[in-house]
C-alpha atoms as a PDB file:
ATOM      1  CA  MET A   1     153.511  65.726  60.396  1.00  0.00           C
ATOM      2  CA  ASP A   2     151.672  62.559  61.292  1.00  0.00           C
ATOM      3  CA  LEU A   3     152.310  60.482  64.407  1.00  0.00           C
ATOM      4  CA  LEU A   4     155.197  58.412  63.099  1.00  0.00           C
ATOM      5  CA  GLU A   5     156.837  61.414  61.453  1.00  0.00           C
ATOM      6  CA  ARG A   6     156.728  63.268  64.773  1.00  0.00           C
ATOM      7  CA  TYR A   7     158.194  60.231  66.518  1.00  0.00           C
ATOM      8  CA  GLY A   8     161.019  60.023  64.000  1.00  0.00           C
ATOM      9  CA  HIS A   9     161.722  63.735  64.372  1.00  0.00           C
ATOM     10  CA  VAL A  10     162.016  63.352  68.162  1.00  0.00           C
ATOM     11  CA  LEU A  11     164.467  60.470  67.702  1.00  0.00           C
ATOM     12  CA  ASP A  12     166.538  62.660  65.389  1.00  0.00           C
ATOM     13  CA  ARG A  13     166.546  65.469  67.958  1.00  0.00           C
ATOM     14  CA  LEU A  14     167.583  63.068  70.692  1.00  0.00           C
ATOM     15  CA  ASN A  15     170.412  61.688  68.572  1.00  0.00           C
ATOM     16  CA  THR A  16     171.610  65.238  67.909  1.00  0.00           C
ATOM     17  CA  ALA A  17     171.364  66.218  71.582  1.00  0.00           C
ATOM     18  CA  CYS A  18     173.431  63.212  72.678  1.00  0.00           C
ATOM     19  CA  ALA A  19     176.074  63.924  70.041  1.00  0.00           C
ATOM     20  CA  ALA A  20     176.246  67.591  71.082  1.00  0.00           C
ATOM     21  CA  ALA A  21     176.692  66.577  74.724  1.00  0.00           C
ATOM     22  CA  GLY A  22     179.358  64.009  73.850  1.00  0.00           C
ATOM     23  CA  ARG A  23     177.240  61.212  75.269  1.00  0.00           C
ATOM     24  CA  PRO A  24     176.500  57.758  73.808  1.00  0.00           C
ATOM     25  CA  ARG A  25     172.949  57.576  72.510  1.00  0.00           C
ATOM     26  CA  GLN A  26     172.301  54.428  74.524  1.00  0.00           C
ATOM     27  CA  ASP A  27     172.845  56.414  77.731  1.00  0.00           C
ATOM     28  CA  VAL A  28     169.519  58.235  77.277  1.00  0.00           C
ATOM     29  CA  THR A  29     166.171  56.428  77.127  1.00  0.00           C
ATOM     30  CA  LEU A  30     163.149  58.026  75.505  1.00  0.00           C
ATOM     31  CA  ILE A  31     159.855  57.656  77.367  1.00  0.00           C
ATOM     32  CA  ALA A  32     156.891  58.343  75.099  1.00  0.00           C
ATOM     33  CA  VAL A  33     154.238  60.012  77.271  1.00  0.00           C
ATOM     34  CA  SER A  34     150.837  58.895  76.035  1.00  0.00           C
ATOM     35  CA  LYS A  35     148.696  60.775  78.576  1.00  0.00           C
ATOM     36  CA  LEU A  36     145.122  61.233  77.271  1.00  0.00           C
ATOM     37  CA  HIS A  37     145.993  59.690  73.891  1.00  0.00           C
ATOM     38  CA  PRO A  38     144.290  56.468  72.742  1.00  0.00           C
ATOM     39  CA  ALA A  39     145.748  53.002  73.019  1.00  0.00           C
ATOM     40  CA  SER A  40     145.817  52.826  69.222  1.00  0.00           C
ATOM     41  CA  ASP A  41     148.449  55.605  69.172  1.00  0.00           C
ATOM     42  CA  VAL A  42     150.524  53.698  71.710  1.00  0.00           C
ATOM     43  CA  ALA A  43     150.303  50.599  69.508  1.00  0.00           C
ATOM     44  CA  ALA A  44     151.424  52.553  66.437  1.00  0.00           C
ATOM     45  CA  VAL A  45     154.476  54.006  68.170  1.00  0.00           C
ATOM     46  CA  ALA A  46     155.309  50.657  69.773  1.00  0.00           C
ATOM     47  CA  ALA A  47     155.160  49.039  66.328  1.00  0.00           C
ATOM     48  CA  ALA A  48     157.774  51.588  65.196  1.00  0.00           C
ATOM     49  CA  GLY A  49     160.145  50.310  67.885  1.00  0.00           C
ATOM     50  CA  GLN A  50     159.351  52.380  70.981  1.00  0.00           C
ATOM     51  CA  VAL A  51     159.472  50.340  74.191  1.00  0.00           C
ATOM     52  CA  ASP A  52     159.121  52.754  77.123  1.00  0.00           C
ATOM     53  CA  PHE A  53     155.825  54.605  77.661  1.00  0.00           C
ATOM     54  CA  GLY A  54     154.820  56.954  80.467  1.00  0.00           C
ATOM     55  CA  GLU A  55     151.400  57.657  81.935  1.00  0.00           C
ATOM     56  CA  ASN A  56     150.270  60.313  84.419  1.00  0.00           C
ATOM     57  CA  TYR A  57     146.999  58.846  85.678  1.00  0.00           C
ATOM     58  CA  VAL A  58     146.729  55.456  87.352  1.00  0.00           C
ATOM     59  CA  GLN A  59     143.293  54.466  86.066  1.00  0.00           C
ATOM     60  CA  GLU A  60     144.011  55.615  82.525  1.00  0.00           C
ATOM     61  CA  ALA A  61     147.280  53.705  82.484  1.00  0.00           C
ATOM     62  CA  LEU A  62     145.751  50.472  83.702  1.00  0.00           C
ATOM     63  CA  GLN A  63     142.809  50.745  81.286  1.00  0.00           C
ATOM     64  CA  LYS A  64     145.100  51.446  78.346  1.00  0.00           C
ATOM     65  CA  ARG A  65     147.144  48.381  79.153  1.00  0.00           C
ATOM     66  CA  GLU A  66     144.018  46.247  79.309  1.00  0.00           C
ATOM     67  CA  ASP A  67     142.819  47.618  75.973  1.00  0.00           C
ATOM     68  CA  LEU A  68     146.119  46.841  74.268  1.00  0.00           C
ATOM     69  CA  ALA A  69     146.330  43.349  75.715  1.00  0.00           C
ATOM     70  CA  ALA A  70     142.754  42.576  74.688  1.00  0.00           C
ATOM     71  CA  ASP A  71     143.239  43.663  71.073  1.00  0.00           C
ATOM     72  CA  ALA A  72     144.473  40.812  68.905  1.00  0.00           C
ATOM     73  CA  GLY A  73     146.467  43.163  66.717  1.00  0.00           C
ATOM     74  CA  SER A  74     148.416  44.765  69.556  1.00  0.00           C
ATOM     75  CA  ALA A  75     148.613  42.046  72.225  1.00  0.00           C
ATOM     76  CA  ALA A  76     152.136  40.994  71.234  1.00  0.00           C
ATOM     77  CA  LEU A  77     153.315  44.619  71.238  1.00  0.00           C
ATOM     78  CA  ALA A  78     151.667  45.204  74.614  1.00  0.00           C
ATOM     79  CA  ALA A  79     153.663  42.383  76.146  1.00  0.00           C
ATOM     80  CA  GLY A  80     156.917  44.139  75.257  1.00  0.00           C
ATOM     81  CA  ILE A  81     156.044  47.613  76.551  1.00  0.00           C
ATOM     82  CA  ARG A  82     157.753  48.973  79.661  1.00  0.00           C
ATOM     83  CA  TRP A  83     155.289  51.225  81.484  1.00  0.00           C
ATOM     84  CA  HIS A  84     156.411  54.146  83.659  1.00  0.00           C
ATOM     85  CA  MET A  85     154.254  56.001  86.177  1.00  0.00           C
ATOM     86  CA  ILE A  86     155.315  59.640  85.816  1.00  0.00           C
ATOM     87  CA  GLY A  87     152.356  61.408  87.468  1.00  0.00           C
ATOM     88  CA  HIS A  88     151.674  62.143  91.108  1.00  0.00           C
ATOM     89  CA  VAL A  89     150.464  59.054  92.959  1.00  0.00           C
ATOM     90  CA  GLN A  90     148.059  59.449  95.843  1.00  0.00           C
ATOM     91  CA  SER A  91     148.970  57.150  98.717  1.00  0.00           C
ATOM     92  CA  ARG A  92     145.559  55.473  98.500  1.00  0.00           C
ATOM     93  CA  LYS A  93     146.495  54.317  94.995  1.00  0.00           C
ATOM     94  CA  ALA A  94     149.767  52.728  96.121  1.00  0.00           C
ATOM     95  CA  ALA A  95     148.434  49.179  95.983  1.00  0.00           C
ATOM     96  CA  GLN A  96     147.350  49.640  92.350  1.00  0.00           C
ATOM     97  CA  VAL A  97     150.648  51.149  91.287  1.00  0.00           C
ATOM     98  CA  ALA A  98     153.214  49.008  93.111  1.00  0.00           C
ATOM     99  CA  GLY A  99     154.377  46.167  90.915  1.00  0.00           C
ATOM    100  CA  ALA A 100     152.415  47.428  87.899  1.00  0.00           C
ATOM    101  CA  PHE A 101     155.121  49.726  86.479  1.00  0.00           C
ATOM    102  CA  VAL A 102     158.745  49.168  85.586  1.00  0.00           C
ATOM    103  CA  LEU A 103     159.553  52.451  87.340  1.00  0.00           C
ATOM    104  CA  ILE A 104     157.606  54.887  89.526  1.00  0.00           C
ATOM    105  CA  HIS A 105     159.087  58.370  89.017  1.00  0.00           C
ATOM    106  CA  THR A 106     157.164  60.243  91.705  1.00  0.00           C
ATOM    107  CA  LEU A 107     157.871  58.954  95.202  1.00  0.00           C
ATOM    108  CA  ASP A 108     157.739  62.027  97.447  1.00  0.00           C
ATOM    109  CA  SER A 109     156.499  61.050 100.914  1.00  0.00           C
ATOM    110  CA  ARG A 110     156.788  58.526 103.705  1.00  0.00           C
ATOM    111  CA  LYS A 111     153.095  57.750 103.384  1.00  0.00           C
ATOM    112  CA  LEU A 112     153.433  56.765  99.738  1.00  0.00           C
ATOM    113  CA  ALA A 113     156.620  54.831 100.481  1.00  0.00           C
ATOM    114  CA  ASP A 114     154.795  52.884 103.204  1.00  0.00           C
ATOM    115  CA  GLY A 115     151.918  52.068 100.850  1.00  0.00           C
ATOM    116  CA  LEU A 116     154.227  50.858  98.102  1.00  0.00           C
ATOM    117  CA  GLU A 117     156.281  48.851 100.576  1.00  0.00           C
ATOM    118  CA  LYS A 118     153.214  47.100 102.002  1.00  0.00           C
ATOM    119  CA  ARG A 119     152.041  46.054  98.546  1.00  0.00           C
ATOM    120  CA  MET A 120     155.472  44.826  97.471  1.00  0.00           C
ATOM    121  CA  LEU A 121     155.931  42.924 100.717  1.00  0.00           C
ATOM    122  CA  ASP A 122     152.701  41.064  99.975  1.00  0.00           C
ATOM    123  CA  ALA A 123     153.836  40.468  96.387  1.00  0.00           C
ATOM    124  CA  GLU A 124     157.323  39.359  97.474  1.00  0.00           C
ATOM    125  CA  GLY A 125     158.964  41.630  94.899  1.00  0.00           C
ATOM    126  CA  ARG A 126     160.860  44.925  94.607  1.00  0.00           C
ATOM    127  CA  GLN A 127     159.618  48.139  93.010  1.00  0.00           C
ATOM    128  CA  PRO A 128     162.123  50.491  91.356  1.00  0.00           C
ATOM    129  CA  VAL A 129     161.380  54.111  92.279  1.00  0.00           C
ATOM    130  CA  LEU A 130     162.673  57.641  91.782  1.00  0.00           C
ATOM    131  CA  PHE A 131     162.296  60.486  94.242  1.00  0.00           C
ATOM    132  CA  GLU A 132     160.381  63.372  92.675  1.00  0.00           C
ATOM    133  CA  ILE A 133     162.085  66.621  93.635  1.00  0.00           C
ATOM    134  CA  ASN A 134     160.302  69.972  93.760  1.00  0.00           C
ATOM    135  CA  ILE A 135     163.417  71.456  92.245  1.00  0.00           C
ATOM    136  CA  ALA A 136     162.493  75.131  92.725  1.00  0.00           C
ATOM    137  CA  SER A 137     160.595  74.613  96.015  1.00  0.00           C
ATOM    138  CA  GLU A 138     157.304  75.777  94.472  1.00  0.00           C
ATOM    139  CA  PRO A 139     154.482  75.529  97.027  1.00  0.00           C
ATOM    140  CA  GLN A 140     151.824  74.729  94.410  1.00  0.00           C
ATOM    141  CA  LYS A 141     153.666  71.684  93.061  1.00  0.00           C
ATOM    142  CA  SER A 142     154.011  68.145  94.336  1.00  0.00           C
ATOM    143  CA  GLY A 143     157.419  66.683  94.969  1.00  0.00           C
ATOM    144  CA  LEU A 144     159.932  66.507  97.755  1.00  0.00           C
ATOM    145  CA  MET A 145     161.690  69.675  98.859  1.00  0.00           C
ATOM    146  CA  PRO A 146     165.430  69.309  98.225  1.00  0.00           C
ATOM    147  CA  ALA A 147     166.280  69.787 101.893  1.00  0.00           C
ATOM    148  CA  ASP A 148     164.053  66.816 102.808  1.00  0.00           C
ATOM    149  CA  LEU A 149     165.683  64.388 100.390  1.00  0.00           C
ATOM    150  CA  PRO A 150     168.301  62.848 102.722  1.00  0.00           C
ATOM    151  CA  ALA A 151     165.743  62.156 105.459  1.00  0.00           C
ATOM    152  CA  LEU A 152     163.279  60.420 103.132  1.00  0.00           C
ATOM    153  CA  THR A 153     166.117  58.418 101.606  1.00  0.00           C
ATOM    154  CA  ASP A 154     167.202  57.252 105.059  1.00  0.00           C
ATOM    155  CA  TYR A 155     163.608  56.324 105.885  1.00  0.00           C
ATOM    156  CA  VAL A 156     163.165  54.271 102.704  1.00  0.00           C
ATOM    157  CA  LEU A 157     166.485  52.502 103.148  1.00  0.00           C
ATOM    158  CA  GLU A 158     165.637  51.622 106.753  1.00  0.00           C
ATOM    159  CA  ARG A 159     161.918  50.876 106.522  1.00  0.00           C
ATOM    160  CA  CYS A 160     161.162  49.928 102.908  1.00  0.00           C
ATOM    161  CA  PRO A 161     163.440  47.091 101.781  1.00  0.00           C
ATOM    162  CA  HIS A 162     161.125  46.236  98.884  1.00  0.00           C
ATOM    163  CA  LEU A 163     161.676  49.640  97.242  1.00  0.00           C
ATOM    164  CA  ASP A 164     164.683  50.017  94.959  1.00  0.00           C
ATOM    165  CA  VAL A 165     165.734  53.688  94.830  1.00  0.00           C
ATOM    166  CA  ARG A 166     167.229  54.304  91.388  1.00  0.00           C
ATOM    167  CA  GLY A 167     167.568  58.095  91.185  1.00  0.00           C
ATOM    168  CA  LEU A 168     165.738  61.419  90.956  1.00  0.00           C
ATOM    169  CA  MET A 169     163.074  63.090  88.810  1.00  0.00           C
ATOM    170  CA  CYS A 170     162.021  66.732  88.441  1.00  0.00           C
ATOM    171  CA  LEU A 171     159.768  69.175  86.616  1.00  0.00           C
ATOM    172  CA  PRO A 172     161.448  72.577  86.214  1.00  0.00           C
ATOM    173  CA  PRO A 173     159.452  75.721  87.074  1.00  0.00           C
ATOM    174  CA  VAL A 174     159.788  77.001  83.506  1.00  0.00           C
ATOM    175  CA  PHE A 175     157.802  74.994  80.959  1.00  0.00           C
ATOM    176  CA  ASP A 176     159.117  74.193  77.481  1.00  0.00           C
ATOM    177  CA  ALA A 177     161.721  76.923  77.893  1.00  0.00           C
ATOM    178  CA  GLY A 178     164.786  75.229  76.438  1.00  0.00           C
ATOM    179  CA  ASP A 179     168.046  76.389  77.985  1.00  0.00           C
ATOM    180  CA  ALA A 180     166.181  78.423  80.618  1.00  0.00           C
ATOM    181  CA  ALA A 181     165.509  75.104  82.357  1.00  0.00           C
ATOM    182  CA  ARG A 182     169.137  74.026  82.277  1.00  0.00           C
ATOM    183  CA  PRO A 183     170.137  75.383  85.720  1.00  0.00           C
ATOM    184  CA  HIS A 184     167.333  73.342  87.279  1.00  0.00           C
ATOM    185  CA  PHE A 185     168.531  70.191  85.538  1.00  0.00           C
ATOM    186  CA  ALA A 186     172.056  70.920  86.759  1.00  0.00           C
ATOM    187  CA  HIS A 187     170.655  71.320  90.283  1.00  0.00           C
ATOM    188  CA  LEU A 188     168.969  67.899  90.102  1.00  0.00           C
ATOM    189  CA  ARG A 189     172.238  66.316  88.984  1.00  0.00           C
ATOM    190  CA  GLU A 190     174.049  67.977  91.885  1.00  0.00           C
ATOM    191  CA  LEU A 191     171.399  66.719  94.316  1.00  0.00           C
ATOM    192  CA  ARG A 192     171.833  63.208  92.915  1.00  0.00           C
ATOM    193  CA  ASP A 193     175.608  63.413  93.298  1.00  0.00           C
ATOM    194  CA  GLY A 194     175.225  64.564  96.906  1.00  0.00           C
ATOM    195  CA  LEU A 195     172.746  61.799  97.650  1.00  0.00           C
ATOM    196  CA  ARG A 196     175.196  59.245  96.276  1.00  0.00           C
ATOM    197  CA  GLN A 197     177.691  60.391  98.881  1.00  0.00           C
ATOM    198  CA  HIS A 198     175.055  60.404 101.621  1.00  0.00           C
ATOM    199  CA  SER A 199     173.500  57.024 100.890  1.00  0.00           C
ATOM    200  CA  GLY A 200     176.100  54.978  99.069  1.00  0.00           C
ATOM    201  CA  LEU A 201     173.499  54.143  96.409  1.00  0.00           C
ATOM    202  CA  PRO A 202     174.594  54.235  92.746  1.00  0.00           C
ATOM    203  CA  LEU A 203     171.497  56.238  91.674  1.00  0.00           C
ATOM    204  CA  PRO A 204     172.028  55.825  87.923  1.00  0.00           C
ATOM    205  CA  ILE A 205     168.798  57.527  86.791  1.00  0.00           C
ATOM    206  CA  LEU A 206     167.992  61.198  86.231  1.00  0.00           C
ATOM    207  CA  SER A 207     164.481  61.585  84.794  1.00  0.00           C
ATOM    208  CA  MET A 208     164.288  65.122  83.440  1.00  0.00           C
ATOM    209  CA  GLY A 209     163.474  66.918  80.210  1.00  0.00           C
ATOM    210  CA  MET A 210     160.298  67.115  78.136  1.00  0.00           C
ATOM    211  CA  SER A 211     159.345  68.225  74.625  1.00  0.00           C
ATOM    212  CA  GLY A 212     160.561  71.808  74.855  1.00  0.00           C
ATOM    213  CA  ASP A 213     163.705  71.365  76.937  1.00  0.00           C
ATOM    214  CA  PHE A 214     165.046  67.831  76.675  1.00  0.00           C
ATOM    215  CA  GLU A 215     168.175  68.883  74.803  1.00  0.00           C
ATOM    216  CA  ALA A 216     169.191  70.963  77.831  1.00  0.00           C
ATOM    217  CA  ALA A 217     168.399  68.022  80.106  1.00  0.00           C
ATOM    218  CA  VAL A 218     170.582  65.693  78.047  1.00  0.00           C
ATOM    219  CA  ALA A 219     173.426  68.215  78.278  1.00  0.00           C
ATOM    220  CA  GLU A 220     173.108  68.103  82.087  1.00  0.00           C
ATOM    221  CA  GLY A 221     173.055  64.317  82.385  1.00  0.00           C
ATOM    222  CA  ALA A 222     169.468  63.126  81.884  1.00  0.00           C
ATOM    223  CA  THR A 223     169.182  59.362  81.458  1.00  0.00           C
ATOM    224  CA  LEU A 224     165.402  59.373  80.892  1.00  0.00           C
ATOM    225  CA  VAL A 225     163.558  62.044  78.890  1.00  0.00           C
ATOM    226  CA  ARG A 226     159.756  62.205  78.921  1.00  0.00           C
ATOM    227  CA  ILE A 227     158.312  63.345  75.586  1.00  0.00           C
ATOM    228  CA  GLY A 228     154.573  63.635  74.993  1.00  0.00           C
ATOM    229  CA  THR A 229     153.327  66.470  72.788  1.00  0.00           C
ATOM    230  CA  ASP A 230     156.154  66.339  70.256  1.00  0.00           C
ATOM    231  CA  ILE A 231     155.338  62.674  69.606  1.00  0.00           C
ATOM    232  CA  PHE A 232     151.587  62.367  70.068  1.00  0.00           C
ATOM    233  CA  GLY A 233     150.564  65.940  69.272  1.00  0.00           C
ATOM    234  CA  PRO A 234     148.334  68.166  71.410  1.00  0.00           C
ATOM    235  CA  ARG A 235     146.405  66.321  74.068  1.00  0.00           C
ATOM    236  CA  PRO A 236     142.714  65.725  73.336  1.00  0.00           C
ATOM    237  CA  ALA A 237     140.440  68.332  74.872  1.00  0.00           C
ATOM    238  CA  LYS A 238     138.695  66.296  77.522  1.00  0.00           C
ATOM    239  CA  THR A 239     138.591  66.114  81.288  1.00  0.00           C
ATOM    240  CA  PRO A 240     141.456  63.916  82.519  1.00  0.00           C
ATOM    241  CA  PRO A 241     140.581  60.875  84.598  1.00  0.00           C
ATOM    242  CA  LEU A 242     141.098  60.962  88.299  1.00  0.00           C
ATOM    243  CA  ALA A 243     144.576  59.995  89.444  1.00  0.00           C
END
């Protein structure tokens, strides 16, 4: 299949997953993850109607946006794209990220929260964020340990008024494993429900599910699914840019 055929197939799968879960299709937003793929591919998928795109690396994301805006053929499309930061953000990059993305999915520390808050204070705006949860407490992965979630939430609510906490995000320990990931998605939903009680925040967003397991995520309440390979194909074999 070519790019647009793959994109259409993913939309069909998402429609089917929502129907199987008894959920309205509009309750689940597809984020097309364009990591390491060229801006021309983003333009092609955007022209087919896709609005939300996710990037993992700060410099790549910002460069891709510049490239799209500078190209006469894609400038109008670029203006309508909603960009998501879905990769780990080093605290030293906070000033570049804050205010540049419709949603940051990977807030996981006080240090990053402070950096984002400082930038948004200067910009006199608010930055929507998700807490990234290390859902299986894997020491090699980034993300907040579940037990530390209430404390970081309290810190952000008290010290970071320019951050708008919208929900939770996770990467399950099993990759592209379909229903094997489902218990981890259920755990994230349960954490979100508990945090609602703790904080009083509505927390409408659960960002979970990728190419090989998003049907299971939809069944467990995902509101954002992040699909890369099944839309754009295998990532180009090159060294990724620094985050």
